[in-house]
Amino acid sequence: MADYRMGSMDIRAHERTFAGFLRFVTVGAVVIVAFLVFLALANG
């Protein structure tokens, strides 16, 4: 811990992971909404 300097950590991997998570959540939400719309239309 003595070698730690604030702001020196490479966070590119964290940013890529978070971007992937956001993409996954967005696609998942769109799929769920599309499925619910399909169910609503199919049940007339």
Protein backbone atom coordinates (compact mmCIF):
# COMPACT_ATOMS: atom_id res chain seq x y z
CA MET A 1 0.00 0.00 0.00
CA ALA A 2 2.94 2.34 0.41
CA ASP A 3 3.44 2.48 -3.39
CA TYR A 4 -0.12 3.61 -4.13
CA ARG A 5 -0.48 7.03 -5.75
CA MET A 6 -3.94 8.48 -6.21
CA GLY A 7 -4.97 8.67 -9.86
CA SER A 8 -2.26 6.31 -11.13
CA MET A 9 -4.42 3.20 -11.65
CA ASP A 10 -5.14 2.08 -15.22
CA ILE A 11 -8.93 1.80 -15.42
CA ARG A 12 -9.38 0.93 -19.10
CA ALA A 13 -10.39 -2.66 -18.29
CA HIS A 14 -12.96 -1.39 -15.79
CA GLU A 15 -14.38 1.04 -18.33
CA ARG A 16 -14.68 -1.73 -20.97
CA THR A 17 -16.40 -4.01 -18.47
CA PHE A 18 -18.85 -1.29 -17.45
CA ALA A 19 -19.58 -0.45 -21.11
CA GLY A 20 -20.28 -4.14 -21.76
CA PHE A 21 -22.56 -4.29 -18.74
CA LEU A 22 -24.51 -1.25 -19.92
CA ARG A 23 -24.84 -2.74 -23.41
CA PHE A 24 -26.09 -6.04 -21.90
CA VAL A 25 -28.67 -4.25 -19.73
CA THR A 26 -29.86 -2.11 -22.65
CA VAL A 27 -30.27 -5.06 -25.01
CA GLY A 28 -31.96 -7.06 -22.26
CA ALA A 29 -34.45 -4.27 -21.57
CA VAL A 30 -35.27 -3.94 -25.27
CA VAL A 31 -35.82 -7.70 -25.58
CA ILE A 32 -38.09 -7.75 -22.54
CA VAL A 33 -40.15 -4.80 -23.78
CA ALA A 34 -40.45 -6.37 -27.25
CA PHE A 35 -41.57 -9.65 -25.68
CA LEU A 36 -44.20 -7.87 -23.57
CA VAL A 37 -45.51 -6.00 -26.62
CA PHE A 38 -45.69 -9.31 -28.51
CA LEU A 39 -47.65 -10.89 -25.64
CA ALA A 40 -50.04 -7.94 -25.54
CA LEU A 41 -50.66 -8.11 -29.29
CA ALA A 42 -50.98 -11.91 -29.37
CA ASN A 43 -53.61 -11.95 -26.64
CA GLY A 44 -55.67 -9.33 -28.44
